[in-house]
Amino acid sequence: MTETAPTTPPAPRTVVIAEDETLIRMDLAEMLAEEGYDVVGQAADGQKAIELAEQLRPDLVILDVKMPVLDGIAAAEAIAGQRIAPVVMLTAFSQRELVERAREAGAMSYLVKPFSQSDLVPAIEMAVSRFAEIRQLETEVADLTDRLETRKAVDRAKGVLQEQLSLSEPDAFRWIQKTAMDLRMSMREVAEGVVTHGVPGA
């Protein structure tokens, strides 16, 4: 009888956190550790967060919006621009304008303080799945303008699929991906078809 090698559990996701309030930062690090994440770096300002992200190449970066030296939005822009890792923003301000600026800077999801441990994982998972989608789209589309148009089309199509087929956002993306492969079409063509004609048979 051959012995099967024990399967090694997947390595925990590594995280860099940047928050200028020490108590909040320590609380966040503790919550992440309890959820099985590995906090590999901590910073109190945006500049240090960028340096840690570049040096440690974590799986995820969590940034507070308001920080000294460099704010979280500027740091998110630098980290997202280099495609280092998905970024989750922390904000005590639920103003649309700040959230919008964070999204434009490349943040994949955000948490409004005070947040609980149960809010943390969904925000992280959303950020990680959106980041993976962008990476996937970028491998398919080389031209920058086309890439932007493809992302817009895919985002609109995901909304249609979520509504018509009651899919989660990651499942909607996988539906577009799989349909594109099955039909030997680009993801943009599939997405535009969904937006224009809806889902066949839905």
N, C-alpha and C. Protein backbone atom coordinates (compact mmCIF):
# COMPACT_ATOMS: atom_id res chain seq x y z
N MET A 1 0.84 -1.19 0.00
CA MET A 1 0.00 0.00 0.00
C MET A 1 0.89 1.25 0.00
N THR A 2 0.66 2.10 -0.99
CA THR A 2 1.52 3.30 -1.06
C THR A 2 0.97 4.38 -0.12
N GLU A 3 1.92 4.98 0.55
CA GLU A 3 1.51 6.06 1.47
C GLU A 3 1.38 7.35 0.69
N THR A 4 0.25 8.05 0.91
CA THR A 4 0.10 9.34 0.23
C THR A 4 0.80 10.41 1.06
N ALA A 5 1.51 11.24 0.34
CA ALA A 5 2.23 12.32 1.04
C ALA A 5 1.22 13.26 1.67
N PRO A 6 1.50 13.71 2.89
CA PRO A 6 0.54 14.63 3.53
C PRO A 6 0.46 15.93 2.73
N THR A 7 -0.76 16.42 2.55
CA THR A 7 -0.90 17.66 1.78
C THR A 7 -0.53 18.84 2.69
N THR A 8 0.30 19.70 2.17
CA THR A 8 0.70 20.85 2.98
C THR A 8 -0.39 21.91 2.88
N PRO A 9 -0.80 22.46 4.02
CA PRO A 9 -1.83 23.50 3.97
C PRO A 9 -1.29 24.73 3.24
N PRO A 10 -2.18 25.46 2.56
CA PRO A 10 -1.68 26.64 1.84
C PRO A 10 -1.08 27.66 2.81
N ALA A 11 -0.04 28.32 2.37
CA ALA A 11 0.60 29.33 3.23
C ALA A 11 -0.39 30.46 3.49
N PRO A 12 -0.38 31.02 4.70
CA PRO A 12 -1.32 32.11 4.97
C PRO A 12 -1.01 33.32 4.10
N ARG A 13 -2.04 34.09 3.77
CA ARG A 13 -1.83 35.31 2.98
C ARG A 13 -1.05 36.33 3.80
N THR A 14 -0.06 36.95 3.17
CA THR A 14 0.74 37.95 3.87
C THR A 14 0.13 39.33 3.68
N VAL A 15 0.19 40.13 4.75
CA VAL A 15 -0.46 41.44 4.74
C VAL A 15 0.48 42.51 5.29
N VAL A 16 0.47 43.68 4.64
CA VAL A 16 1.11 44.87 5.19
C VAL A 16 0.00 45.83 5.61
N ILE A 17 0.07 46.36 6.83
CA ILE A 17 -0.96 47.32 7.25
C ILE A 17 -0.34 48.68 7.57
N ALA A 18 -1.05 49.74 7.19
CA ALA A 18 -0.58 51.09 7.48
C ALA A 18 -1.72 51.89 8.09
N GLU A 19 -1.50 52.33 9.31
CA GLU A 19 -2.52 53.07 10.07
C GLU A 19 -1.76 53.89 11.11
N ASP A 20 -1.99 55.22 11.14
CA ASP A 20 -1.18 56.04 12.04
C ASP A 20 -1.62 55.96 13.50
N GLU A 21 -2.83 55.44 13.78
CA GLU A 21 -3.25 55.28 15.18
C GLU A 21 -2.81 53.90 15.66
N THR A 22 -1.86 53.91 16.59
CA THR A 22 -1.23 52.65 17.03
C THR A 22 -2.23 51.62 17.53
N LEU A 23 -3.21 52.07 18.32
CA LEU A 23 -4.18 51.12 18.89
C LEU A 23 -5.00 50.44 17.80
N ILE A 24 -5.45 51.22 16.82
CA ILE A 24 -6.23 50.64 15.72
C ILE A 24 -5.36 49.67 14.93
N ARG A 25 -4.10 50.06 14.72
CA ARG A 25 -3.18 49.19 13.96
C ARG A 25 -2.97 47.86 14.69
N MET A 26 -2.78 47.94 16.02
CA MET A 26 -2.58 46.70 16.80
C MET A 26 -3.83 45.83 16.78
N ASP A 27 -5.00 46.46 16.91
CA ASP A 27 -6.27 45.72 16.86
C ASP A 27 -6.43 45.01 15.52
N LEU A 28 -6.11 45.74 14.46
CA LEU A 28 -6.24 45.20 13.10
C LEU A 28 -5.30 44.01 12.92
N ALA A 29 -4.06 44.16 13.39
CA ALA A 29 -3.06 43.08 13.26
C ALA A 29 -3.56 41.83 14.01
N GLU A 30 -4.17 42.06 15.17
CA GLU A 30 -4.68 40.94 15.98
C GLU A 30 -5.84 40.24 15.28
N MET A 31 -6.77 41.05 14.74
CA MET A 31 -7.92 40.48 14.00
C MET A 31 -7.44 39.65 12.81
N LEU A 32 -6.47 40.18 12.07
CA LEU A 32 -5.95 39.48 10.90
C LEU A 32 -5.29 38.17 11.30
N ALA A 33 -4.51 38.21 12.38
CA ALA A 33 -3.83 36.98 12.86
C ALA A 33 -4.86 35.93 13.25
N GLU A 34 -5.94 36.38 13.92
CA GLU A 34 -7.00 35.44 14.33
C GLU A 34 -7.70 34.83 13.13
N GLU A 35 -7.75 35.57 12.02
CA GLU A 35 -8.40 35.06 10.80
C GLU A 35 -7.42 34.27 9.92
N GLY A 36 -6.20 34.08 10.41
CA GLY A 36 -5.25 33.24 9.68
C GLY A 36 -4.35 33.96 8.70
N TYR A 37 -4.33 35.30 8.77
CA TYR A 37 -3.44 36.06 7.88
C TYR A 37 -2.10 36.30 8.59
N ASP A 38 -1.07 36.51 7.81
CA ASP A 38 0.27 36.72 8.36
C ASP A 38 0.67 38.19 8.14
N VAL A 39 0.63 38.98 9.22
CA VAL A 39 0.98 40.40 9.11
C VAL A 39 2.50 40.51 9.07
N VAL A 40 3.04 40.85 7.89
CA VAL A 40 4.50 40.84 7.72
C VAL A 40 5.12 42.23 7.87
N GLY A 41 4.28 43.28 7.85
CA GLY A 41 4.83 44.63 7.99
C GLY A 41 3.78 45.60 8.48
N GLN A 42 4.21 46.59 9.29
CA GLN A 42 3.29 47.61 9.78
C GLN A 42 3.93 48.98 9.61
N ALA A 43 3.10 49.96 9.22
CA ALA A 43 3.61 51.32 9.02
C ALA A 43 2.63 52.32 9.62
N ALA A 44 3.16 53.51 9.92
CA ALA A 44 2.32 54.57 10.49
C ALA A 44 2.10 55.70 9.49
N ASP A 45 2.70 55.59 8.31
CA ASP A 45 2.46 56.62 7.28
C ASP A 45 2.50 55.98 5.89
N GLY A 46 1.96 56.72 4.92
CA GLY A 46 1.82 56.19 3.56
C GLY A 46 3.13 55.89 2.86
N GLN A 47 4.15 56.73 3.12
CA GLN A 47 5.45 56.54 2.47
C GLN A 47 6.08 55.22 2.90
N LYS A 48 6.03 54.97 4.20
CA LYS A 48 6.59 53.72 4.76
C LYS A 48 5.81 52.51 4.22
N ALA A 49 4.49 52.69 4.06
CA ALA A 49 3.64 51.59 3.53
C ALA A 49 4.10 51.19 2.12
N ILE A 50 4.40 52.21 1.29
CA ILE A 50 4.87 51.92 -0.08
C ILE A 50 6.19 51.16 -0.03
N GLU A 51 7.12 51.64 0.83
CA GLU A 51 8.44 50.99 0.94
C GLU A 51 8.29 49.54 1.38
N LEU A 52 7.43 49.29 2.39
CA LEU A 52 7.22 47.91 2.86
C LEU A 52 6.60 47.04 1.77
N ALA A 53 5.63 47.60 1.04
CA ALA A 53 4.97 46.83 -0.02
C ALA A 53 5.97 46.45 -1.11
N GLU A 54 6.83 47.40 -1.48
CA GLU A 54 7.83 47.13 -2.53
C GLU A 54 8.85 46.10 -2.06
N GLN A 55 9.19 46.19 -0.79
CA GLN A 55 10.23 45.30 -0.25
C GLN A 55 9.69 43.90 0.03
N LEU A 56 8.48 43.82 0.63
CA LEU A 56 7.96 42.53 1.10
C LEU A 56 7.06 41.82 0.10
N ARG A 57 6.55 42.58 -0.90
CA ARG A 57 5.63 42.00 -1.90
C ARG A 57 4.53 41.16 -1.25
N PRO A 58 3.72 41.77 -0.37
CA PRO A 58 2.69 40.98 0.32
C PRO A 58 1.54 40.59 -0.61
N ASP A 59 0.63 39.75 -0.10
CA ASP A 59 -0.56 39.37 -0.88
C ASP A 59 -1.64 40.43 -0.79
N LEU A 60 -1.51 41.32 0.21
CA LEU A 60 -2.56 42.31 0.46
C LEU A 60 -1.97 43.49 1.22
N VAL A 61 -2.48 44.70 0.93
CA VAL A 61 -2.08 45.89 1.69
C VAL A 61 -3.34 46.57 2.21
N ILE A 62 -3.36 46.88 3.51
CA ILE A 62 -4.50 47.60 4.10
C ILE A 62 -4.00 48.99 4.52
N LEU A 63 -4.65 50.03 3.99
CA LEU A 63 -4.19 51.40 4.22
C LEU A 63 -5.29 52.26 4.83
N ASP A 64 -4.92 53.07 5.82
CA ASP A 64 -5.85 54.07 6.32
C ASP A 64 -5.84 55.25 5.35
N VAL A 65 -6.98 55.90 5.17
CA VAL A 65 -7.04 57.02 4.23
C VAL A 65 -6.20 58.20 4.73
N LYS A 66 -6.42 58.58 5.99
CA LYS A 66 -5.76 59.77 6.53
C LYS A 66 -4.49 59.37 7.27
N MET A 67 -3.33 59.67 6.67
CA MET A 67 -2.05 59.36 7.33
C MET A 67 -1.06 60.50 7.09
N PRO A 68 -0.07 60.66 7.99
CA PRO A 68 0.95 61.69 7.77
C PRO A 68 1.92 61.30 6.63
N VAL A 69 2.78 62.23 6.27
CA VAL A 69 3.79 62.11 5.22
C VAL A 69 3.13 61.95 3.85
N LEU A 70 2.40 60.85 3.69
CA LEU A 70 1.68 60.57 2.44
C LEU A 70 0.37 59.92 2.82
N ASP A 71 -0.75 60.41 2.30
CA ASP A 71 -2.02 59.79 2.71
C ASP A 71 -2.24 58.45 2.03
N GLY A 72 -3.26 57.74 2.51
CA GLY A 72 -3.52 56.38 2.02
C GLY A 72 -3.89 56.34 0.56
N ILE A 73 -4.55 57.40 0.07
CA ILE A 73 -4.96 57.39 -1.34
C ILE A 73 -3.74 57.48 -2.25
N ALA A 74 -2.78 58.35 -1.89
CA ALA A 74 -1.55 58.47 -2.68
C ALA A 74 -0.75 57.16 -2.61
N ALA A 75 -0.72 56.56 -1.41
CA ALA A 75 0.00 55.29 -1.25
C ALA A 75 -0.67 54.18 -2.06
N ALA A 76 -2.02 54.17 -2.05
CA ALA A 76 -2.77 53.15 -2.82
C ALA A 76 -2.45 53.28 -4.30
N GLU A 77 -2.36 54.52 -4.76
CA GLU A 77 -2.07 54.77 -6.18
C GLU A 77 -0.70 54.20 -6.56
N ALA A 78 0.28 54.42 -5.69
CA ALA A 78 1.64 53.92 -5.97
C ALA A 78 1.68 52.40 -5.95
N ILE A 79 1.02 51.80 -4.96
CA ILE A 79 1.06 50.33 -4.80
C ILE A 79 0.26 49.65 -5.92
N ALA A 80 -0.94 50.19 -6.19
CA ALA A 80 -1.79 49.61 -7.26
C ALA A 80 -1.15 49.83 -8.63
N GLY A 81 -0.50 50.99 -8.80
CA GLY A 81 0.14 51.30 -10.07
C GLY A 81 1.23 50.31 -10.43
N GLN A 82 1.90 49.79 -9.41
CA GLN A 82 2.96 48.80 -9.65
C GLN A 82 2.42 47.37 -9.65
N ARG A 83 1.10 47.24 -9.43
CA ARG A 83 0.45 45.91 -9.37
C ARG A 83 1.12 45.01 -8.32
N ILE A 84 1.48 45.61 -7.18
CA ILE A 84 2.14 44.81 -6.14
C ILE A 84 1.14 43.88 -5.47
N ALA A 85 0.00 44.46 -5.04
CA ALA A 85 -0.98 43.68 -4.29
C ALA A 85 -2.31 44.42 -4.27
N PRO A 86 -3.40 43.70 -4.00
CA PRO A 86 -4.68 44.39 -3.83
C PRO A 86 -4.64 45.29 -2.60
N VAL A 87 -5.37 46.41 -2.66
CA VAL A 87 -5.39 47.37 -1.55
C VAL A 87 -6.79 47.48 -0.98
N VAL A 88 -6.89 47.38 0.36
CA VAL A 88 -8.15 47.65 1.07
C VAL A 88 -7.95 48.96 1.82
N MET A 89 -8.87 49.91 1.66
CA MET A 89 -8.78 51.20 2.35
C MET A 89 -9.59 51.18 3.64
N LEU A 90 -9.04 51.81 4.67
CA LEU A 90 -9.78 52.03 5.92
C LEU A 90 -10.15 53.49 5.98
N THR A 91 -11.40 53.78 6.24
CA THR A 91 -11.78 55.19 6.36
C THR A 91 -12.78 55.39 7.48
N ALA A 92 -12.60 56.47 8.22
CA ALA A 92 -13.57 56.82 9.27
C ALA A 92 -14.64 57.71 8.66
N PHE A 93 -14.46 58.04 7.39
CA PHE A 93 -15.39 58.96 6.72
C PHE A 93 -16.10 58.19 5.63
N SER A 94 -17.42 58.12 5.75
CA SER A 94 -18.13 57.36 4.71
C SER A 94 -18.54 58.27 3.57
N GLN A 95 -17.81 59.40 3.37
CA GLN A 95 -18.15 60.29 2.26
C GLN A 95 -17.89 59.60 0.92
N ARG A 96 -18.85 59.77 0.02
CA ARG A 96 -18.73 59.17 -1.31
C ARG A 96 -17.44 59.61 -2.00
N GLU A 97 -17.12 60.89 -1.85
CA GLU A 97 -16.01 61.47 -2.60
C GLU A 97 -14.68 60.81 -2.25
N LEU A 98 -14.48 60.52 -0.95
CA LEU A 98 -13.22 59.88 -0.53
C LEU A 98 -13.16 58.44 -1.04
N VAL A 99 -14.28 57.75 -0.93
CA VAL A 99 -14.35 56.36 -1.40
C VAL A 99 -14.09 56.32 -2.91
N GLU A 100 -14.68 57.28 -3.62
CA GLU A 100 -14.51 57.38 -5.08
C GLU A 100 -13.04 57.62 -5.42
N ARG A 101 -12.41 58.54 -4.68
CA ARG A 101 -10.99 58.84 -4.93
C ARG A 101 -10.13 57.60 -4.66
N ALA A 102 -10.50 56.85 -3.62
CA ALA A 102 -9.74 55.63 -3.28
C ALA A 102 -9.88 54.60 -4.41
N ARG A 103 -11.09 54.48 -4.94
CA ARG A 103 -11.32 53.53 -6.05
C ARG A 103 -10.51 53.94 -7.28
N GLU A 104 -10.53 55.24 -7.57
CA GLU A 104 -9.77 55.73 -8.73
C GLU A 104 -8.28 55.51 -8.54
N ALA A 105 -7.84 55.55 -7.27
CA ALA A 105 -6.42 55.35 -6.98
C ALA A 105 -6.04 53.87 -7.09
N GLY A 106 -7.02 53.00 -7.18
CA GLY A 106 -6.71 51.58 -7.35
C GLY A 106 -7.08 50.70 -6.16
N ALA A 107 -7.76 51.27 -5.15
CA ALA A 107 -8.22 50.44 -4.02
C ALA A 107 -9.30 49.49 -4.52
N MET A 108 -9.24 48.24 -4.06
CA MET A 108 -10.17 47.23 -4.55
C MET A 108 -11.42 47.11 -3.66
N SER A 109 -11.29 47.50 -2.39
CA SER A 109 -12.46 47.53 -1.51
C SER A 109 -12.12 48.43 -0.32
N TYR A 110 -13.12 48.71 0.50
CA TYR A 110 -12.85 49.60 1.64
C TYR A 110 -13.69 49.19 2.84
N LEU A 111 -13.24 49.63 4.01
CA LEU A 111 -13.93 49.37 5.27
C LEU A 111 -14.13 50.70 5.99
N VAL A 112 -15.33 50.94 6.48
CA VAL A 112 -15.59 52.17 7.23
C VAL A 112 -15.42 51.86 8.72
N LYS A 113 -14.58 52.68 9.38
CA LYS A 113 -14.35 52.48 10.82
C LYS A 113 -15.53 53.06 11.61
N PRO A 114 -15.88 52.51 12.78
CA PRO A 114 -15.29 51.29 13.34
C PRO A 114 -15.85 50.05 12.65
N PHE A 115 -14.98 49.08 12.35
CA PHE A 115 -15.42 47.86 11.68
C PHE A 115 -15.20 46.68 12.64
N SER A 116 -15.91 45.60 12.40
CA SER A 116 -15.74 44.41 13.24
C SER A 116 -14.93 43.36 12.47
N GLN A 117 -14.52 42.35 13.19
CA GLN A 117 -13.74 41.27 12.57
C GLN A 117 -14.51 40.62 11.43
N SER A 118 -15.84 40.54 11.59
CA SER A 118 -16.66 39.88 10.55
C SER A 118 -16.74 40.71 9.27
N ASP A 119 -16.43 42.03 9.37
CA ASP A 119 -16.43 42.87 8.16
C ASP A 119 -15.14 42.69 7.37
N LEU A 120 -14.10 42.28 8.08
CA LEU A 120 -12.75 42.29 7.53
C LEU A 120 -12.56 41.30 6.38
N VAL A 121 -12.93 40.03 6.62
CA VAL A 121 -12.67 38.98 5.62
C VAL A 121 -13.40 39.23 4.29
N PRO A 122 -14.72 39.58 4.32
CA PRO A 122 -15.38 39.85 3.03
C PRO A 122 -14.71 40.97 2.24
N ALA A 123 -14.27 42.01 2.93
CA ALA A 123 -13.60 43.13 2.24
C ALA A 123 -12.29 42.66 1.62
N ILE A 124 -11.55 41.81 2.36
CA ILE A 124 -10.28 41.28 1.85
C ILE A 124 -10.52 40.37 0.65
N GLU A 125 -11.50 39.46 0.80
CA GLU A 125 -11.77 38.52 -0.29
C GLU A 125 -12.20 39.25 -1.57
N MET A 126 -13.01 40.31 -1.38
CA MET A 126 -13.44 41.09 -2.55
C MET A 126 -12.23 41.75 -3.22
N ALA A 127 -11.35 42.31 -2.41
CA ALA A 127 -10.15 42.98 -2.95
C ALA A 127 -9.28 41.99 -3.70
N VAL A 128 -9.08 40.81 -3.12
CA VAL A 128 -8.22 39.80 -3.74
C VAL A 128 -8.83 39.31 -5.06
N SER A 129 -10.15 39.09 -5.07
CA SER A 129 -10.76 38.57 -6.30
C SER A 129 -10.78 39.65 -7.40
N ARG A 130 -11.02 40.92 -7.02
CA ARG A 130 -11.00 41.99 -8.03
C ARG A 130 -9.61 42.18 -8.62
N PHE A 131 -8.61 42.07 -7.75
CA PHE A 131 -7.22 42.22 -8.19
C PHE A 131 -6.86 41.11 -9.18
N ALA A 132 -7.30 39.88 -8.87
CA ALA A 132 -7.03 38.74 -9.76
C ALA A 132 -7.71 38.96 -11.12
N GLU A 133 -8.93 39.53 -11.10
CA GLU A 133 -9.64 39.81 -12.34
C GLU A 133 -8.86 40.79 -13.21
N ILE A 134 -8.36 41.86 -12.56
CA ILE A 134 -7.62 42.88 -13.32
C ILE A 134 -6.36 42.27 -13.93
N ARG A 135 -5.68 41.44 -13.14
CA ARG A 135 -4.47 40.78 -13.66
C ARG A 135 -4.82 39.92 -14.88
N GLN A 136 -5.95 39.21 -14.77
CA GLN A 136 -6.41 38.34 -15.85
C GLN A 136 -6.72 39.17 -17.11
N LEU A 137 -7.43 40.28 -16.93
CA LEU A 137 -7.77 41.13 -18.07
C LEU A 137 -6.52 41.72 -18.71
N GLU A 138 -5.54 42.05 -17.87
CA GLU A 138 -4.33 42.67 -18.40
C GLU A 138 -3.50 41.68 -19.22
N THR A 139 -3.56 40.40 -18.86
CA THR A 139 -2.81 39.43 -19.67
C THR A 139 -3.49 39.27 -21.03
N GLU A 140 -4.82 39.49 -21.06
CA GLU A 140 -5.55 39.31 -22.31
C GLU A 140 -5.46 40.54 -23.22
N VAL A 141 -5.44 41.72 -22.60
CA VAL A 141 -5.49 42.96 -23.39
C VAL A 141 -4.21 43.76 -23.17
N ALA A 142 -3.44 43.93 -24.22
CA ALA A 142 -2.16 44.63 -24.08
C ALA A 142 -2.32 46.14 -24.13
N ASP A 143 -3.19 46.63 -25.02
CA ASP A 143 -3.32 48.07 -25.20
C ASP A 143 -4.05 48.72 -24.02
N LEU A 144 -3.50 49.82 -23.51
CA LEU A 144 -4.01 50.45 -22.30
C LEU A 144 -5.44 50.97 -22.46
N THR A 145 -5.74 51.60 -23.61
CA THR A 145 -7.09 52.13 -23.84
C THR A 145 -8.09 50.99 -23.92
N ASP A 146 -7.72 49.93 -24.68
CA ASP A 146 -8.60 48.75 -24.79
C ASP A 146 -8.82 48.12 -23.43
N ARG A 147 -7.78 48.13 -22.61
CA ARG A 147 -7.85 47.51 -21.29
C ARG A 147 -8.91 48.21 -20.43
N LEU A 148 -8.91 49.54 -20.51
CA LEU A 148 -9.87 50.32 -19.74
C LEU A 148 -11.29 50.04 -20.21
N GLU A 149 -11.47 50.01 -21.55
CA GLU A 149 -12.79 49.73 -22.12
C GLU A 149 -13.25 48.32 -21.76
N THR A 150 -12.30 47.37 -21.79
CA THR A 150 -12.63 45.98 -21.43
C THR A 150 -13.09 45.90 -19.98
N ARG A 151 -12.35 46.58 -19.09
CA ARG A 151 -12.73 46.57 -17.67
C ARG A 151 -14.11 47.15 -17.46
N LYS A 152 -14.40 48.26 -18.16
CA LYS A 152 -15.73 48.88 -18.03
C LYS A 152 -16.82 47.92 -18.49
N ALA A 153 -16.59 47.29 -19.67
CA ALA A 153 -17.58 46.35 -20.22
C ALA A 153 -17.79 45.17 -19.29
N VAL A 154 -16.69 44.63 -18.76
CA VAL A 154 -16.78 43.47 -17.86
C VAL A 154 -17.51 43.85 -16.57
N ASP A 155 -17.22 45.03 -16.03
CA ASP A 155 -17.91 45.48 -14.81
C ASP A 155 -19.42 45.61 -15.04
N ARG A 156 -19.79 46.18 -16.20
CA ARG A 156 -21.23 46.32 -16.50
C ARG A 156 -21.87 44.95 -16.67
N ALA A 157 -21.17 44.05 -17.37
CA ALA A 157 -21.72 42.71 -17.61
C ALA A 157 -21.85 41.94 -16.30
N LYS A 158 -20.89 42.13 -15.38
CA LYS A 158 -20.99 41.45 -14.08
C LYS A 158 -22.26 41.87 -13.36
N GLY A 159 -22.60 43.17 -13.46
CA GLY A 159 -23.83 43.67 -12.83
C GLY A 159 -25.06 42.98 -13.39
N VAL A 160 -25.08 42.82 -14.73
CA VAL A 160 -26.22 42.16 -15.39
C VAL A 160 -26.32 40.70 -14.93
N LEU A 161 -25.17 40.01 -14.91
CA LEU A 161 -25.15 38.59 -14.52
C LEU A 161 -25.55 38.41 -13.06
N GLN A 162 -25.09 39.31 -12.19
CA GLN A 162 -25.44 39.21 -10.77
C GLN A 162 -26.96 39.34 -10.60
N GLU A 163 -27.54 40.24 -11.40
CA GLU A 163 -28.98 40.48 -11.29
C GLU A 163 -29.78 39.34 -11.91
N GLN A 164 -29.40 38.93 -13.14
CA GLN A 164 -30.22 37.96 -13.87
C GLN A 164 -30.00 36.51 -13.40
N LEU A 165 -28.77 36.20 -12.98
CA LEU A 165 -28.48 34.80 -12.59
C LEU A 165 -28.22 34.65 -11.10
N SER A 166 -28.40 35.75 -10.35
CA SER A 166 -28.13 35.76 -8.90
C SER A 166 -26.73 35.22 -8.56
N LEU A 167 -25.74 35.67 -9.32
CA LEU A 167 -24.36 35.22 -9.09
C LEU A 167 -23.63 36.20 -8.18
N SER A 168 -22.60 35.71 -7.50
CA SER A 168 -21.73 36.62 -6.76
C SER A 168 -20.83 37.31 -7.78
N GLU A 169 -20.14 38.36 -7.35
CA GLU A 169 -19.27 39.09 -8.28
C GLU A 169 -18.16 38.20 -8.86
N PRO A 170 -17.43 37.41 -8.02
CA PRO A 170 -16.40 36.53 -8.60
C PRO A 170 -16.97 35.49 -9.56
N ASP A 171 -18.18 34.96 -9.24
CA ASP A 171 -18.80 33.96 -10.12
C ASP A 171 -19.20 34.58 -11.45
N ALA A 172 -19.66 35.83 -11.39
CA ALA A 172 -20.03 36.52 -12.63
C ALA A 172 -18.80 36.69 -13.52
N PHE A 173 -17.67 37.03 -12.90
CA PHE A 173 -16.43 37.17 -13.68
C PHE A 173 -16.04 35.83 -14.29
N ARG A 174 -16.14 34.75 -13.49
CA ARG A 174 -15.77 33.42 -14.01
C ARG A 174 -16.70 33.00 -15.16
N TRP A 175 -17.98 33.39 -15.06
CA TRP A 175 -18.95 33.08 -16.13
C TRP A 175 -18.48 33.72 -17.44
N ILE A 176 -18.07 35.00 -17.35
CA ILE A 176 -17.60 35.72 -18.56
C ILE A 176 -16.34 35.05 -19.10
N GLN A 177 -15.43 34.72 -18.16
CA GLN A 177 -14.15 34.10 -18.54
C GLN A 177 -14.38 32.77 -19.26
N LYS A 178 -15.24 31.92 -18.66
CA LYS A 178 -15.50 30.59 -19.20
C LYS A 178 -16.21 30.69 -20.56
N THR A 179 -17.21 31.58 -20.64
CA THR A 179 -17.96 31.75 -21.89
C THR A 179 -17.01 32.22 -23.01
N ALA A 180 -16.11 33.13 -22.67
CA ALA A 180 -15.14 33.62 -23.67
C ALA A 180 -14.26 32.48 -24.18
N MET A 181 -13.83 31.60 -23.25
CA MET A 181 -12.99 30.46 -23.65
C MET A 181 -13.79 29.48 -24.51
N ASP A 182 -15.02 29.18 -24.04
CA ASP A 182 -15.86 28.22 -24.77
C ASP A 182 -16.17 28.70 -26.19
N LEU A 183 -16.44 30.00 -26.32
CA LEU A 183 -16.85 30.54 -27.63
C LEU A 183 -15.67 31.08 -28.44
N ARG A 184 -14.46 30.96 -27.85
CA ARG A 184 -13.25 31.51 -28.49
C ARG A 184 -13.43 32.98 -28.85
N MET A 185 -13.98 33.72 -27.89
CA MET A 185 -14.17 35.16 -28.07
C MET A 185 -13.35 35.88 -27.00
N SER A 186 -13.18 37.18 -27.16
CA SER A 186 -12.50 37.92 -26.09
C SER A 186 -13.50 38.19 -24.97
N MET A 187 -12.99 38.44 -23.77
CA MET A 187 -13.88 38.71 -22.65
C MET A 187 -14.69 39.98 -22.91
N ARG A 188 -14.08 40.93 -23.60
CA ARG A 188 -14.81 42.18 -23.90
C ARG A 188 -16.01 41.89 -24.81
N GLU A 189 -15.81 41.03 -25.82
CA GLU A 189 -16.92 40.70 -26.74
C GLU A 189 -18.07 40.03 -25.98
N VAL A 190 -17.71 39.09 -25.09
CA VAL A 190 -18.73 38.40 -24.30
C VAL A 190 -19.46 39.41 -23.40
N ALA A 191 -18.68 40.27 -22.73
CA ALA A 191 -19.25 41.25 -21.81
C ALA A 191 -20.20 42.20 -22.54
N GLU A 192 -19.77 42.68 -23.71
CA GLU A 192 -20.61 43.60 -24.48
C GLU A 192 -21.90 42.92 -24.95
N GLY A 193 -21.77 41.63 -25.28
CA GLY A 193 -22.96 40.85 -25.68
C GLY A 193 -23.95 40.72 -24.53
N VAL A 194 -23.45 40.49 -23.33
CA VAL A 194 -24.31 40.37 -22.14
C VAL A 194 -25.02 41.70 -21.86
N VAL A 195 -24.24 42.80 -21.96
CA VAL A 195 -24.82 44.13 -21.69
C VAL A 195 -25.89 44.46 -22.72
N THR A 196 -25.64 44.15 -23.99
CA THR A 196 -26.57 44.50 -25.06
C THR A 196 -27.79 43.58 -25.09
N HIS A 197 -27.56 42.28 -24.95
CA HIS A 197 -28.66 41.30 -25.17
C HIS A 197 -29.12 40.59 -23.90
N GLY A 198 -28.44 40.79 -22.79
CA GLY A 198 -28.78 40.05 -21.58
C GLY A 198 -28.22 38.65 -21.62
N VAL A 199 -28.64 37.80 -20.68
CA VAL A 199 -28.10 36.44 -20.59
C VAL A 199 -29.03 35.51 -21.36
N PRO A 200 -28.49 34.70 -22.29
CA PRO A 200 -29.35 33.78 -23.04
C PRO A 200 -30.08 32.82 -22.09
N GLY A 201 -31.39 32.73 -22.26
CA GLY A 201 -32.17 31.78 -21.46
C GLY A 201 -32.44 32.21 -20.04
N ALA A 202 -31.98 33.40 -19.64
CA ALA A 202 -32.22 33.83 -18.25
C ALA A 202 -33.61 34.42 -18.12
